[in-house]
C-alpha cells in the first residue's frame, strides 16, 4: 500500500488548570458528590439485576447499554 494514500488522524490534547471561584467550586463539588452517589446506586442496581434475574455479569453490565441505546432512539 502506498503511504501517500493512507489517511491519518491526530488527536491533540492539552492540560488546563482551572481557577474556579467559590461558587464554581461548590457546583463542582456538588456534581462530584452526585456522580459518586449515582455510581453507588448503579452498583446496587447491578447486584439486584444479577440476583433477581440470575444474569451473568456481562449481561447485567450490558443491560444499561441496551437501555441507553433504546432511549437515544426516542
N, C-alpha and C. Protein backbone atom coordinates (compact mmCIF):
# COMPACT_ATOMS: atom_id res chain seq x y z
N UNK A 1 0.85 -1.17 0.00
CA UNK A 1 0.00 0.00 0.00
C UNK A 1 0.89 1.24 0.00
N UNK A 2 0.54 2.18 -0.78
CA UNK A 2 1.32 3.40 -0.90
C UNK A 2 1.02 4.30 0.30
N UNK A 3 2.05 4.80 0.94
CA UNK A 3 1.88 5.62 2.14
C UNK A 3 1.12 6.91 1.87
N UNK A 4 1.21 7.45 0.67
CA UNK A 4 0.53 8.70 0.36
C UNK A 4 -0.99 8.55 0.42
N UNK A 5 -1.49 7.34 0.21
CA UNK A 5 -2.94 7.16 0.17
C UNK A 5 -3.53 6.86 1.54
N UNK A 6 -2.71 6.65 2.54
CA UNK A 6 -3.22 6.38 3.88
C UNK A 6 -3.71 7.67 4.53
N UNK A 7 -4.87 7.59 5.10
CA UNK A 7 -5.39 8.74 5.83
C UNK A 7 -4.96 8.61 7.29
N UNK A 8 -4.47 9.67 7.83
CA UNK A 8 -4.06 9.64 9.23
C UNK A 8 -4.80 10.72 9.99
N UNK A 9 -5.00 10.47 11.23
CA UNK A 9 -5.62 11.47 12.09
C UNK A 9 -4.73 11.67 13.30
N UNK A 10 -4.80 12.85 13.85
CA UNK A 10 -4.06 13.15 15.05
C UNK A 10 -5.02 13.64 16.11
N UNK A 11 -4.74 13.24 17.31
CA UNK A 11 -5.50 13.74 18.44
C UNK A 11 -4.59 14.64 19.25
N UNK A 12 -5.04 15.83 19.47
CA UNK A 12 -4.28 16.76 20.30
C UNK A 12 -4.98 16.90 21.64
N UNK A 13 -4.22 16.95 22.67
CA UNK A 13 -4.81 17.16 23.98
C UNK A 13 -3.99 18.23 24.71
N UNK A 14 -4.65 18.89 25.61
CA UNK A 14 -3.93 19.88 26.40
C UNK A 14 -4.40 19.77 27.84
N UNK A 15 -3.57 20.19 28.73
CA UNK A 15 -3.86 20.17 30.14
C UNK A 15 -4.10 21.60 30.58
N UNK A 16 -5.25 21.83 31.19
CA UNK A 16 -5.59 23.17 31.63
C UNK A 16 -5.71 23.20 33.14
N UNK A 17 -5.34 24.29 33.72
CA UNK A 17 -5.55 24.49 35.15
C UNK A 17 -6.69 25.47 35.30
N UNK A 18 -7.76 25.00 35.93
CA UNK A 18 -8.92 25.85 36.15
C UNK A 18 -8.74 26.66 37.42
N UNK A 19 -9.24 27.85 37.40
CA UNK A 19 -9.20 28.70 38.58
C UNK A 19 -10.63 29.13 38.93
N UNK A 20 -11.41 28.17 39.46
CA UNK A 20 -12.81 28.48 39.74
C UNK A 20 -12.96 29.38 40.97
N UNK A 21 -14.04 30.17 40.97
CA UNK A 21 -14.33 30.97 42.16
C UNK A 21 -15.07 30.07 43.16
N UNK A 22 -15.40 30.60 44.32
CA UNK A 22 -16.01 29.79 45.39
C UNK A 22 -17.36 29.19 44.96
N UNK A 23 -18.14 29.93 44.23
CA UNK A 23 -19.44 29.43 43.76
C UNK A 23 -19.23 28.25 42.79
N UNK A 24 -18.28 28.38 41.90
CA UNK A 24 -17.98 27.30 40.95
C UNK A 24 -17.42 26.08 41.66
N UNK A 25 -16.60 26.30 42.68
CA UNK A 25 -16.06 25.18 43.46
C UNK A 25 -17.21 24.41 44.11
N UNK A 26 -18.18 25.13 44.65
CA UNK A 26 -19.35 24.48 45.24
C UNK A 26 -20.12 23.66 44.22
N UNK A 27 -20.28 24.21 43.02
CA UNK A 27 -21.01 23.50 41.96
C UNK A 27 -20.24 22.25 41.51
N UNK A 28 -18.92 22.36 41.42
CA UNK A 28 -18.10 21.21 41.03
C UNK A 28 -18.20 20.11 42.08
N UNK A 29 -18.08 20.50 43.36
CA UNK A 29 -18.19 19.52 44.44
C UNK A 29 -19.56 18.85 44.45
N UNK A 30 -20.60 19.65 44.26
CA UNK A 30 -21.96 19.11 44.23
C UNK A 30 -22.13 18.09 43.11
N UNK A 31 -21.59 18.41 41.95
CA UNK A 31 -21.66 17.49 40.82
C UNK A 31 -20.85 16.23 41.09
N UNK A 32 -19.69 16.36 41.70
CA UNK A 32 -18.86 15.20 42.01
C UNK A 32 -19.55 14.28 43.02
N UNK A 33 -20.21 14.86 44.02
CA UNK A 33 -20.93 14.06 45.01
C UNK A 33 -22.11 13.35 44.36
N UNK A 34 -22.84 14.06 43.50
CA UNK A 34 -23.98 13.46 42.80
C UNK A 34 -23.51 12.29 41.92
N UNK A 35 -22.39 12.46 41.24
CA UNK A 35 -21.84 11.40 40.39
C UNK A 35 -21.44 10.20 41.24
N UNK A 36 -20.80 10.46 42.35
CA UNK A 36 -20.39 9.39 43.27
C UNK A 36 -21.62 8.61 43.76
N UNK A 37 -22.67 9.34 44.14
CA UNK A 37 -23.90 8.69 44.59
C UNK A 37 -24.56 7.88 43.48
N UNK A 38 -24.50 8.38 42.25
CA UNK A 38 -25.06 7.65 41.11
C UNK A 38 -24.29 6.35 40.88
N UNK A 39 -22.97 6.39 41.03
CA UNK A 39 -22.18 5.16 40.88
C UNK A 39 -22.54 4.14 41.96
N UNK A 40 -22.73 4.60 43.18
CA UNK A 40 -23.14 3.70 44.25
C UNK A 40 -24.50 3.08 43.95
N UNK A 41 -25.42 3.88 43.44
CA UNK A 41 -26.75 3.38 43.09
C UNK A 41 -26.66 2.35 41.97
N UNK A 42 -25.83 2.63 40.96
CA UNK A 42 -25.66 1.69 39.85
C UNK A 42 -25.10 0.36 40.35
N UNK A 43 -24.25 0.41 41.35
CA UNK A 43 -23.70 -0.82 41.93
C UNK A 43 -24.79 -1.65 42.58
N UNK A 44 -25.71 -0.98 43.27
CA UNK A 44 -26.83 -1.68 43.91
C UNK A 44 -27.74 -2.29 42.84
N UNK A 45 -28.03 -1.51 41.80
CA UNK A 45 -28.90 -2.00 40.72
C UNK A 45 -28.25 -3.20 40.02
N UNK A 46 -26.94 -3.12 39.80
CA UNK A 46 -26.21 -4.22 39.17
C UNK A 46 -26.37 -5.51 39.99
N UNK A 47 -26.15 -5.40 41.29
CA UNK A 47 -26.29 -6.59 42.15
C UNK A 47 -27.72 -7.12 42.13
N UNK A 48 -28.69 -6.20 42.16
CA UNK A 48 -30.09 -6.60 42.13
C UNK A 48 -30.43 -7.31 40.82
N UNK A 49 -29.95 -6.80 39.70
CA UNK A 49 -30.19 -7.46 38.40
C UNK A 49 -29.62 -8.87 38.39
N UNK A 50 -28.41 -9.00 38.88
CA UNK A 50 -27.78 -10.32 38.90
C UNK A 50 -28.57 -11.30 39.75
N UNK A 51 -28.99 -10.87 40.92
CA UNK A 51 -29.71 -11.76 41.84
C UNK A 51 -31.14 -12.03 41.37
N UNK A 52 -31.87 -10.98 41.03
CA UNK A 52 -33.28 -11.12 40.71
C UNK A 52 -33.51 -11.92 39.42
N UNK A 53 -32.66 -11.70 38.42
CA UNK A 53 -32.86 -12.34 37.13
C UNK A 53 -31.83 -13.42 36.82
N UNK A 54 -30.96 -13.72 37.77
CA UNK A 54 -29.92 -14.75 37.62
C UNK A 54 -29.10 -14.51 36.35
N UNK A 55 -28.71 -13.25 36.16
CA UNK A 55 -27.94 -12.89 34.96
C UNK A 55 -26.45 -13.06 35.22
N UNK A 56 -25.73 -13.51 34.20
CA UNK A 56 -24.27 -13.47 34.31
C UNK A 56 -23.79 -12.01 34.32
N UNK A 57 -22.59 -11.82 34.78
CA UNK A 57 -22.03 -10.48 34.95
C UNK A 57 -22.10 -9.64 33.67
N UNK A 58 -21.66 -10.20 32.57
CA UNK A 58 -21.61 -9.44 31.31
C UNK A 58 -23.00 -8.99 30.88
N UNK A 59 -24.00 -9.84 31.04
CA UNK A 59 -25.35 -9.45 30.65
C UNK A 59 -25.90 -8.35 31.55
N UNK A 60 -25.58 -8.42 32.82
CA UNK A 60 -26.03 -7.37 33.75
C UNK A 60 -25.37 -6.03 33.40
N UNK A 61 -24.12 -6.07 32.98
CA UNK A 61 -23.42 -4.84 32.57
C UNK A 61 -24.00 -4.30 31.27
N UNK A 62 -24.27 -5.17 30.33
CA UNK A 62 -24.75 -4.73 29.01
C UNK A 62 -26.19 -4.24 29.05
N UNK A 63 -26.92 -4.58 30.07
CA UNK A 63 -28.31 -4.14 30.18
C UNK A 63 -28.40 -2.63 30.13
N UNK A 64 -27.53 -1.93 30.84
CA UNK A 64 -27.60 -0.47 30.84
C UNK A 64 -27.26 0.11 29.47
N UNK A 65 -26.38 -0.55 28.74
CA UNK A 65 -26.05 -0.10 27.38
C UNK A 65 -27.27 -0.25 26.48
N UNK A 66 -27.98 -1.36 26.61
CA UNK A 66 -29.18 -1.59 25.79
C UNK A 66 -30.25 -0.55 26.10
N UNK A 67 -30.45 -0.25 27.36
CA UNK A 67 -31.47 0.74 27.74
C UNK A 67 -31.07 2.12 27.22
N UNK A 68 -29.81 2.47 27.36
CA UNK A 68 -29.33 3.76 26.88
C UNK A 68 -29.53 3.89 25.38
N UNK A 69 -29.22 2.84 24.64
CA UNK A 69 -29.40 2.84 23.19
C UNK A 69 -30.88 3.02 22.82
N UNK A 70 -31.74 2.35 23.56
CA UNK A 70 -33.18 2.46 23.29
C UNK A 70 -33.67 3.88 23.52
N UNK A 71 -33.22 4.50 24.61
CA UNK A 71 -33.66 5.87 24.90
C UNK A 71 -33.10 6.88 23.89
N UNK A 72 -31.93 6.62 23.35
CA UNK A 72 -31.35 7.53 22.37
C UNK A 72 -32.18 7.57 21.08
N UNK A 73 -32.90 6.49 20.79
CA UNK A 73 -33.68 6.44 19.55
C UNK A 73 -35.05 7.11 19.69
N UNK A 74 -35.43 7.49 20.89
CA UNK A 74 -36.75 8.12 21.10
C UNK A 74 -36.77 9.54 20.61
